[in-house]
Amino acid sequence: MYPTDLTDSACGSPPGQVIEEILADKRKRKYSLRAVLNALLYLTKTGCQWRLLPNDLPPWPLCYYYFWKWRNDGRWEKLNKALIERRRKKAGRAACPSVGIIDSQSVKCSQWGVVPKGYDGHKHVNGRKRHIVVDTLGLVVVVVVHAANQHDSPAARAVLTRLADQGYGRMSKILADSAYGKKLARWLKKTFSLILEVVKVSELAGFHVVPMRWKVERTFAWMNWSRRLSKDYECGVSSHESFVYLSNINRMLKHF
């Protein structure tokens, strides 16, 4: 038993039913879906290599197969969205968020010669950016990973397009910092009828908490507790995105 393992209460509650509905298939299996998911949550939290998964977990080739399969058919995104709806209802909120907060974080890339990859001159990081939108609870609604040398404003179009594709129809406003300009705001209003609101930083000297913006910064801090996300260890950006969703899923399941 590991701290990342799914609890009996989580598996027996509505979240457990959602996991079964989204991840289940008709294959005859030696290892349960719960055991496979436990292994993937362990990998996300500890950051170990696939071949170094403990022997009391399912074999690593099987775990990698399911991770790869659910990554390619979009089931990590579906599971993440379904759990967000239930987590928000438990917190007394509407299932679909109406306000999102967007930001990016540059992370070093451990692989040589992988693409996309670039140098972020502002943060002095050679690697990639993970671009996220969170709700007011700090839950990751959508993530897009891209080269670190892309400016936030043009790169945000891919993030917000994916947000619209995932069916968050109640979303009406996106909060951002000054890196996202007026051109993006006009495009967002014209394309998706969303309002982009820039939250200004205090001009006073010293550290000040920026209203609402601190929630996305807190989410980045939460993500760093998942050691698989402390650096970009993946050759493909879709794998890194899946581990971001897994980290978010793991955090939500602790609240059921």
C-alpha atoms as a PDB file:
ATOM      1  CA  MET A   1       0.000   0.000   0.000  1.00  0.00           C
ATOM      2  CA  TYR A   2       1.381   3.374  -1.076  1.00  0.00           C
ATOM      3  CA  PRO A   3       0.140   6.868  -0.162  1.00  0.00           C
ATOM      4  CA  THR A   4      -0.822   7.392  -3.814  1.00  0.00           C
ATOM      5  CA  ASP A   5      -3.089   4.320  -3.936  1.00  0.00           C
ATOM      6  CA  LEU A   6      -6.795   4.852  -4.488  1.00  0.00           C
ATOM      7  CA  THR A   7      -8.731   4.508  -1.249  1.00  0.00           C
ATOM      8  CA  ASP A   8     -11.757   2.241  -0.841  1.00  0.00           C
ATOM      9  CA  SER A   9     -13.943   5.283  -0.248  1.00  0.00           C
ATOM     10  CA  ALA A  10     -12.831   6.913  -3.515  1.00  0.00           C
ATOM     11  CA  CYS A  11     -13.347   3.700  -5.489  1.00  0.00           C
ATOM     12  CA  GLY A  12     -16.781   3.106  -4.005  1.00  0.00           C
ATOM     13  CA  SER A  13     -18.039   6.665  -4.428  1.00  0.00           C
ATOM     14  CA  PRO A  14     -19.239   8.401  -7.624  1.00  0.00           C
ATOM     15  CA  PRO A  15     -15.610   9.161  -8.649  1.00  0.00           C
ATOM     16  CA  GLY A  16     -14.928   5.423  -8.623  1.00  0.00           C
ATOM     17  CA  GLN A  17     -17.884   4.841 -10.911  1.00  0.00           C
ATOM     18  CA  VAL A  18     -16.616   7.548 -13.250  1.00  0.00           C
ATOM     19  CA  ILE A  19     -13.175   5.916 -13.396  1.00  0.00           C
ATOM     20  CA  GLU A  20     -14.765   2.573 -14.208  1.00  0.00           C
ATOM     21  CA  GLU A  21     -17.002   4.047 -16.925  1.00  0.00           C
ATOM     22  CA  ILE A  22     -14.234   5.999 -18.673  1.00  0.00           C
ATOM     23  CA  LEU A  23     -11.262   3.638 -18.369  1.00  0.00           C
ATOM     24  CA  ALA A  24     -12.935   0.222 -18.489  1.00  0.00           C
ATOM     25  CA  ASP A  25     -12.849  -1.976 -21.590  1.00  0.00           C
ATOM     26  CA  LYS A  26     -13.994  -5.503 -22.362  1.00  0.00           C
ATOM     27  CA  ARG A  27     -10.578  -7.116 -22.174  1.00  0.00           C
ATOM     28  CA  LYS A  28      -9.944 -10.045 -19.869  1.00  0.00           C
ATOM     29  CA  ARG A  29      -7.380  -8.782 -17.402  1.00  0.00           C
ATOM     30  CA  LYS A  30      -5.037 -10.275 -14.869  1.00  0.00           C
ATOM     31  CA  TYR A  31      -4.559  -6.902 -13.146  1.00  0.00           C
ATOM     32  CA  SER A  32      -7.475  -4.662 -12.212  1.00  0.00           C
ATOM     33  CA  LEU A  33      -7.913  -1.135 -13.510  1.00  0.00           C
ATOM     34  CA  ARG A  34      -7.450   0.059  -9.943  1.00  0.00           C
ATOM     35  CA  ALA A  35      -4.017  -1.600  -9.754  1.00  0.00           C
ATOM     36  CA  VAL A  36      -2.938  -0.085 -13.074  1.00  0.00           C
ATOM     37  CA  LEU A  37      -4.122   3.381 -12.077  1.00  0.00           C
ATOM     38  CA  ASN A  38      -2.363   3.024  -8.721  1.00  0.00           C
ATOM     39  CA  ALA A  39       0.885   2.317 -10.581  1.00  0.00           C
ATOM     40  CA  LEU A  40       0.471   5.379 -12.822  1.00  0.00           C
ATOM     41  CA  LEU A  41      -0.306   7.622  -9.850  1.00  0.00           C
ATOM     42  CA  TYR A  42       2.784   6.231  -8.075  1.00  0.00           C
ATOM     43  CA  LEU A  43       4.922   6.979 -11.135  1.00  0.00           C
ATOM     44  CA  THR A  44       3.571  10.532 -11.372  1.00  0.00           C
ATOM     45  CA  LYS A  45       4.171  11.280  -7.704  1.00  0.00           C
ATOM     46  CA  THR A  46       7.611   9.700  -7.291  1.00  0.00           C
ATOM     47  CA  GLY A  47       9.037  10.444 -10.749  1.00  0.00           C
ATOM     48  CA  CYS A  48      10.698   7.043 -11.046  1.00  0.00           C
ATOM     49  CA  GLN A  49      11.532   5.440 -14.386  1.00  0.00           C
ATOM     50  CA  TRP A  50       9.073   3.017 -15.939  1.00  0.00           C
ATOM     51  CA  ARG A  51      11.394   0.046 -15.440  1.00  0.00           C
ATOM     52  CA  LEU A  52      11.881   0.940 -11.761  1.00  0.00           C
ATOM     53  CA  LEU A  53       8.244   0.521 -10.765  1.00  0.00           C
ATOM     54  CA  PRO A  54       8.064  -1.692  -7.629  1.00  0.00           C
ATOM     55  CA  ASN A  55       7.494  -5.392  -8.161  1.00  0.00           C
ATOM     56  CA  ASP A  56       4.241  -5.383  -6.181  1.00  0.00           C
ATOM     57  CA  LEU A  57       2.676  -3.135  -8.837  1.00  0.00           C
ATOM     58  CA  PRO A  58       1.598  -4.417 -12.279  1.00  0.00           C
ATOM     59  CA  PRO A  59       4.481  -4.960 -14.769  1.00  0.00           C
ATOM     60  CA  TRP A  60       5.771  -1.730 -16.254  1.00  0.00           C
ATOM     61  CA  PRO A  61       5.102  -2.720 -19.930  1.00  0.00           C
ATOM     62  CA  LEU A  62       1.424  -3.203 -19.041  1.00  0.00           C
ATOM     63  CA  CYS A  63       1.287   0.131 -17.188  1.00  0.00           C
ATOM     64  CA  TYR A  64       2.979   1.906 -20.087  1.00  0.00           C
ATOM     65  CA  TYR A  65       0.564   0.302 -22.555  1.00  0.00           C
ATOM     66  CA  TYR A  66      -2.472   1.667 -20.714  1.00  0.00           C
ATOM     67  CA  PHE A  67      -0.861   5.067 -20.183  1.00  0.00           C
ATOM     68  CA  TRP A  68      -0.098   5.246 -23.920  1.00  0.00           C
ATOM     69  CA  LYS A  69      -3.557   3.981 -24.891  1.00  0.00           C
ATOM     70  CA  TRP A  70      -5.487   6.373 -22.657  1.00  0.00           C
ATOM     71  CA  ARG A  71      -3.222   9.237 -23.724  1.00  0.00           C
ATOM     72  CA  ASN A  72      -3.864   8.671 -27.412  1.00  0.00           C
ATOM     73  CA  ASP A  73      -7.645   8.262 -27.202  1.00  0.00           C
ATOM     74  CA  GLY A  74      -8.095  11.320 -24.936  1.00  0.00           C
ATOM     75  CA  ARG A  75      -9.351   9.474 -21.889  1.00  0.00           C
ATOM     76  CA  TRP A  76      -7.105  11.330 -19.467  1.00  0.00           C
ATOM     77  CA  GLU A  77      -8.801  14.580 -20.490  1.00  0.00           C
ATOM     78  CA  LYS A  78     -12.249  12.980 -20.190  1.00  0.00           C
ATOM     79  CA  LEU A  79     -11.509  11.586 -16.738  1.00  0.00           C
ATOM     80  CA  ASN A  80     -10.042  14.902 -15.594  1.00  0.00           C
ATOM     81  CA  LYS A  81     -13.136  16.818 -16.764  1.00  0.00           C
ATOM     82  CA  ALA A  82     -15.562  14.349 -15.161  1.00  0.00           C
ATOM     83  CA  LEU A  83     -13.763  14.533 -11.815  1.00  0.00           C
ATOM     84  CA  ILE A  84     -13.617  18.345 -11.974  1.00  0.00           C
ATOM     85  CA  GLU A  85     -17.415  18.411 -12.306  1.00  0.00           C
ATOM     86  CA  ARG A  86     -17.850  16.210  -9.239  1.00  0.00           C
ATOM     87  CA  ARG A  87     -15.186  18.014  -7.219  1.00  0.00           C
ATOM     88  CA  ARG A  88     -16.835  21.381  -7.918  1.00  0.00           C
ATOM     89  CA  LYS A  89     -20.276  20.054  -6.970  1.00  0.00           C
ATOM     90  CA  LYS A  90     -18.864  18.780  -3.681  1.00  0.00           C
ATOM     91  CA  ALA A  91     -17.467  22.270  -3.043  1.00  0.00           C
ATOM     92  CA  GLY A  92     -20.902  23.799  -3.664  1.00  0.00           C
ATOM     93  CA  ARG A  93     -20.034  25.194  -7.103  1.00  0.00           C
ATOM     94  CA  ALA A  94     -21.605  24.717 -10.516  1.00  0.00           C
ATOM     95  CA  ALA A  95     -20.237  21.676 -12.348  1.00  0.00           C
ATOM     96  CA  CYS A  96     -18.794  23.776 -15.176  1.00  0.00           C
ATOM     97  CA  PRO A  97     -16.586  26.753 -14.257  1.00  0.00           C
ATOM     98  CA  SER A  98     -17.482  30.210 -15.546  1.00  0.00           C
ATOM     99  CA  VAL A  99     -14.089  31.820 -14.910  1.00  0.00           C
ATOM    100  CA  GLY A 100     -10.683  30.492 -15.931  1.00  0.00           C
ATOM    101  CA  ILE A 101      -7.183  31.695 -15.076  1.00  0.00           C
ATOM    102  CA  ILE A 102      -4.414  31.214 -17.646  1.00  0.00           C
ATOM    103  CA  ASP A 103      -0.644  31.184 -17.194  1.00  0.00           C
ATOM    104  CA  SER A 104       2.473  29.297 -18.266  1.00  0.00           C
ATOM    105  CA  GLN A 105       5.495  27.786 -16.534  1.00  0.00           C
ATOM    106  CA  SER A 106       8.851  27.077 -18.166  1.00  0.00           C
ATOM    107  CA  VAL A 107      10.506  23.789 -17.226  1.00  0.00           C
ATOM    108  CA  LYS A 108      13.845  22.300 -18.179  1.00  0.00           C
ATOM    109  CA  CYS A 109      13.850  19.427 -20.648  1.00  0.00           C
ATOM    110  CA  SER A 110      15.977  16.379 -19.862  1.00  0.00           C
ATOM    111  CA  GLN A 111      16.061  14.974 -23.401  1.00  0.00           C
ATOM    112  CA  TRP A 112      18.593  15.911 -26.090  1.00  0.00           C
ATOM    113  CA  GLY A 113      17.391  16.644 -29.605  1.00  0.00           C
ATOM    114  CA  VAL A 114      13.662  16.441 -28.869  1.00  0.00           C
ATOM    115  CA  VAL A 115      11.125  18.799 -30.412  1.00  0.00           C
ATOM    116  CA  PRO A 116       9.428  21.073 -29.669  1.00  0.00           C
ATOM    117  CA  LYS A 117      12.038  22.694 -27.447  1.00  0.00           C
ATOM    118  CA  GLY A 118      13.393  26.228 -27.082  1.00  0.00           C
ATOM    119  CA  TYR A 119      15.070  28.772 -24.851  1.00  0.00           C
ATOM    120  CA  ASP A 120      12.985  31.088 -22.681  1.00  0.00           C
ATOM    121  CA  GLY A 121      15.144  34.205 -22.508  1.00  0.00           C
ATOM    122  CA  HIS A 122      13.030  35.795 -19.766  1.00  0.00           C
ATOM    123  CA  LYS A 123      13.219  32.835 -17.357  1.00  0.00           C
ATOM    124  CA  HIS A 124      16.597  31.583 -18.671  1.00  0.00           C
ATOM    125  CA  VAL A 125      15.220  28.067 -19.155  1.00  0.00           C
ATOM    126  CA  ASN A 126      16.038  25.776 -22.061  1.00  0.00           C
ATOM    127  CA  GLY A 127      13.098  23.445 -22.465  1.00  0.00           C
ATOM    128  CA  ARG A 128       9.329  23.663 -22.712  1.00  0.00           C
ATOM    129  CA  LYS A 129       6.378  25.563 -21.306  1.00  0.00           C
ATOM    130  CA  ARG A 130       3.308  24.003 -19.809  1.00  0.00           C
ATOM    131  CA  HIS A 131       0.428  26.358 -20.474  1.00  0.00           C
ATOM    132  CA  ILE A 132      -2.602  25.793 -18.255  1.00  0.00           C
ATOM    133  CA  VAL A 133      -6.058  27.133 -17.531  1.00  0.00           C
ATOM    134  CA  VAL A 134      -7.394  26.536 -14.014  1.00  0.00           C
ATOM    135  CA  ASP A 135     -10.755  27.219 -12.396  1.00  0.00           C
ATOM    136  CA  THR A 136     -11.221  29.221  -9.195  1.00  0.00           C
ATOM    137  CA  LEU A 137     -10.489  26.102  -7.111  1.00  0.00           C
ATOM    138  CA  GLY A 138      -7.092  25.781  -8.809  1.00  0.00           C
ATOM    139  CA  LEU A 139      -8.028  22.614 -10.731  1.00  0.00           C
ATOM    140  CA  VAL A 140      -6.324  22.149 -14.103  1.00  0.00           C
ATOM    141  CA  VAL A 141      -9.019  22.465 -16.748  1.00  0.00           C
ATOM    142  CA  VAL A 142      -6.740  22.236 -19.790  1.00  0.00           C
ATOM    143  CA  VAL A 143      -2.996  22.012 -20.459  1.00  0.00           C
ATOM    144  CA  VAL A 144      -0.893  22.456 -23.605  1.00  0.00           C
ATOM    145  CA  VAL A 145       2.872  21.871 -23.613  1.00  0.00           C
ATOM    146  CA  HIS A 146       4.988  23.700 -26.208  1.00  0.00           C
ATOM    147  CA  ALA A 147       8.495  25.049 -26.758  1.00  0.00           C
ATOM    148  CA  ALA A 148       9.668  27.515 -24.112  1.00  0.00           C
ATOM    149  CA  ASN A 149      10.678  30.137 -26.692  1.00  0.00           C
ATOM    150  CA  GLN A 150       7.060  30.761 -27.740  1.00  0.00           C
ATOM    151  CA  HIS A 151       5.570  33.965 -26.348  1.00  0.00           C
ATOM    152  CA  ASP A 152       2.560  33.488 -24.105  1.00  0.00           C
ATOM    153  CA  SER A 153       0.113  35.550 -26.144  1.00  0.00           C
ATOM    154  CA  PRO A 154       0.257  33.643 -29.492  1.00  0.00           C
ATOM    155  CA  ALA A 155       0.729  30.297 -27.739  1.00  0.00           C
ATOM    156  CA  ALA A 156      -2.427  30.931 -25.691  1.00  0.00           C
ATOM    157  CA  ARG A 157      -4.556  30.543 -28.832  1.00  0.00           C
ATOM    158  CA  ALA A 158      -3.849  26.800 -28.885  1.00  0.00           C
ATOM    159  CA  VAL A 159      -4.670  26.551 -25.175  1.00  0.00           C
ATOM    160  CA  LEU A 160      -7.954  28.426 -25.456  1.00  0.00           C
ATOM    161  CA  THR A 161      -8.943  26.551 -28.613  1.00  0.00           C
ATOM    162  CA  ARG A 162      -8.480  23.257 -26.789  1.00  0.00           C
ATOM    163  CA  LEU A 163     -10.491  24.654 -23.883  1.00  0.00           C
ATOM    164  CA  ALA A 164     -13.383  25.363 -26.257  1.00  0.00           C
ATOM    165  CA  ASP A 165     -13.067  21.911 -27.870  1.00  0.00           C
ATOM    166  CA  GLN A 166     -13.430  20.188 -24.477  1.00  0.00           C
ATOM    167  CA  GLY A 167     -16.918  21.593 -24.036  1.00  0.00           C
ATOM    168  CA  TYR A 168     -16.675  24.049 -21.153  1.00  0.00           C
ATOM    169  CA  GLY A 169     -19.648  25.975 -22.474  1.00  0.00           C
ATOM    170  CA  ARG A 170     -20.318  27.950 -19.294  1.00  0.00           C
ATOM    171  CA  MET A 171     -16.874  29.577 -19.379  1.00  0.00           C
ATOM    172  CA  SER A 172     -17.299  33.313 -20.007  1.00  0.00           C
ATOM    173  CA  LYS A 173     -14.145  35.013 -18.710  1.00  0.00           C
ATOM    174  CA  ILE A 174     -10.404  34.311 -18.725  1.00  0.00           C
ATOM    175  CA  LEU A 175      -8.128  36.100 -16.260  1.00  0.00           C
ATOM    176  CA  ALA A 176      -4.533  36.702 -17.345  1.00  0.00           C
ATOM    177  CA  ASP A 177      -1.449  38.791 -16.685  1.00  0.00           C
ATOM    178  CA  SER A 178      -0.009  41.574 -18.825  1.00  0.00           C
ATOM    179  CA  ALA A 179       1.814  39.104 -21.129  1.00  0.00           C
ATOM    180  CA  TYR A 180      -1.506  38.454 -22.885  1.00  0.00           C
ATOM    181  CA  GLY A 181      -2.221  41.500 -25.015  1.00  0.00           C
ATOM    182  CA  LYS A 182      -5.203  43.247 -26.571  1.00  0.00           C
ATOM    183  CA  LYS A 183      -4.779  41.366 -29.857  1.00  0.00           C
ATOM    184  CA  LEU A 184      -5.436  38.067 -28.067  1.00  0.00           C
ATOM    185  CA  ALA A 185      -8.431  39.619 -26.290  1.00  0.00           C
ATOM    186  CA  ARG A 186      -9.988  40.675 -29.615  1.00  0.00           C
ATOM    187  CA  TRP A 187      -9.366  37.243 -31.143  1.00  0.00           C
ATOM    188  CA  LEU A 188     -10.841  35.476 -28.118  1.00  0.00           C
ATOM    189  CA  LYS A 189     -13.942  37.660 -28.123  1.00  0.00           C
ATOM    190  CA  LYS A 190     -14.508  37.208 -31.851  1.00  0.00           C
ATOM    191  CA  THR A 191     -13.789  33.470 -31.987  1.00  0.00           C
ATOM    192  CA  PHE A 192     -15.250  32.089 -28.743  1.00  0.00           C
ATOM    193  CA  SER A 193     -17.178  35.057 -27.252  1.00  0.00           C
ATOM    194  CA  LEU A 194     -14.923  34.956 -24.191  1.00  0.00           C
ATOM    195  CA  ILE A 195     -13.712  37.996 -22.275  1.00  0.00           C
ATOM    196  CA  LEU A 196      -9.990  38.256 -21.533  1.00  0.00           C
ATOM    197  CA  GLU A 197      -9.397  40.344 -18.413  1.00  0.00           C
ATOM    198  CA  VAL A 198      -5.867  41.397 -17.475  1.00  0.00           C
ATOM    199  CA  VAL A 199      -5.318  41.436 -13.712  1.00  0.00           C
ATOM    200  CA  LYS A 200      -2.839  44.211 -13.004  1.00  0.00           C
ATOM    201  CA  VAL A 201       0.034  43.808 -10.577  1.00  0.00           C
ATOM    202  CA  SER A 202       0.330  46.279  -7.691  1.00  0.00           C
ATOM    203  CA  GLU A 203       2.802  49.082  -8.324  1.00  0.00           C
ATOM    204  CA  LEU A 204       3.779  49.168  -4.649  1.00  0.00           C
ATOM    205  CA  ALA A 205       7.248  47.957  -3.709  1.00  0.00           C
ATOM    206  CA  GLY A 206       7.698  44.446  -2.341  1.00  0.00           C
ATOM    207  CA  PHE A 207       5.701  41.246  -2.681  1.00  0.00           C
ATOM    208  CA  HIS A 208       1.924  41.491  -3.051  1.00  0.00           C
ATOM    209  CA  VAL A 209      -0.641  38.766  -3.682  1.00  0.00           C
ATOM    210  CA  VAL A 210      -2.421  39.472  -6.967  1.00  0.00           C
ATOM    211  CA  PRO A 211      -6.198  38.851  -6.692  1.00  0.00           C
ATOM    212  CA  MET A 212      -7.249  35.554  -8.352  1.00  0.00           C
ATOM    213  CA  ARG A 213      -3.893  35.227 -10.125  1.00  0.00           C
ATOM    214  CA  TRP A 214      -2.370  33.546  -7.074  1.00  0.00           C
ATOM    215  CA  LYS A 215      -4.587  30.526  -7.689  1.00  0.00           C
ATOM    216  CA  VAL A 216      -2.816  29.496 -10.881  1.00  0.00           C
ATOM    217  CA  GLU A 217       0.570  30.066  -9.214  1.00  0.00           C
ATOM    218  CA  ARG A 218      -0.532  27.799  -6.376  1.00  0.00           C
ATOM    219  CA  THR A 219      -1.458  25.130  -8.933  1.00  0.00           C
ATOM    220  CA  PHE A 220       2.058  25.271 -10.394  1.00  0.00           C
ATOM    221  CA  ALA A 221       3.380  24.766  -6.861  1.00  0.00           C
ATOM    222  CA  TRP A 222       1.081  21.761  -6.416  1.00  0.00           C
ATOM    223  CA  MET A 223       2.311  20.303  -9.706  1.00  0.00           C
ATOM    224  CA  ASN A 224       5.926  20.490  -8.541  1.00  0.00           C
ATOM    225  CA  TRP A 225       5.071  18.093  -5.712  1.00  0.00           C
ATOM    226  CA  SER A 226       4.624  15.480  -8.440  1.00  0.00           C
ATOM    227  CA  ARG A 227       8.260  14.699  -9.165  1.00  0.00           C
ATOM    228  CA  ARG A 228       7.526  13.499 -12.683  1.00  0.00           C
ATOM    229  CA  LEU A 229       6.682  17.156 -13.408  1.00  0.00           C
ATOM    230  CA  SER A 230       9.746  18.693 -11.724  1.00  0.00           C
ATOM    231  CA  LYS A 231      11.424  18.470 -15.137  1.00  0.00           C
ATOM    232  CA  ASP A 232      10.144  17.503 -18.575  1.00  0.00           C
ATOM    233  CA  TYR A 233      11.316  13.896 -18.925  1.00  0.00           C
ATOM    234  CA  GLU A 234       9.102  13.098 -21.917  1.00  0.00           C
ATOM    235  CA  CYS A 235      10.067  12.937 -25.590  1.00  0.00           C
ATOM    236  CA  GLY A 236       6.516  13.824 -26.659  1.00  0.00           C
ATOM    237  CA  VAL A 237       4.529  16.780 -25.353  1.00  0.00           C
ATOM    238  CA  SER A 238       1.333  14.698 -25.178  1.00  0.00           C
ATOM    239  CA  SER A 239       2.919  12.463 -22.516  1.00  0.00           C
ATOM    240  CA  HIS A 240       3.836  15.472 -20.390  1.00  0.00           C
ATOM    241  CA  GLU A 241       0.291  16.796 -20.732  1.00  0.00           C
ATOM    242  CA  SER A 242      -1.059  13.434 -19.580  1.00  0.00           C
ATOM    243  CA  PHE A 243       1.121  13.502 -16.471  1.00  0.00           C
ATOM    244  CA  VAL A 244      -0.227  16.983 -15.657  1.00  0.00           C
ATOM    245  CA  TYR A 245      -3.751  15.560 -15.826  1.00  0.00           C
ATOM    246  CA  LEU A 246      -2.687  12.581 -13.697  1.00  0.00           C
ATOM    247  CA  SER A 247      -1.270  14.916 -11.068  1.00  0.00           C
ATOM    248  CA  ASN A 248      -4.532  16.876 -11.047  1.00  0.00           C
ATOM    249  CA  ILE A 249      -6.592  13.660 -10.904  1.00  0.00           C
ATOM    250  CA  ASN A 250      -4.533  12.397  -7.968  1.00  0.00           C
ATOM    251  CA  ARG A 251      -5.108  15.634  -6.051  1.00  0.00           C
ATOM    252  CA  MET A 252      -8.863  15.598  -6.699  1.00  0.00           C
ATOM    253  CA  LEU A 253      -9.273  11.979  -5.627  1.00  0.00           C
ATOM    254  CA  LYS A 254      -7.858  12.862  -2.192  1.00  0.00           C
ATOM    255  CA  HIS A 255     -10.943  15.000  -1.559  1.00  0.00           C
ATOM    256  CA  PHE A 256     -13.531  12.229  -2.063  1.00  0.00           C
END
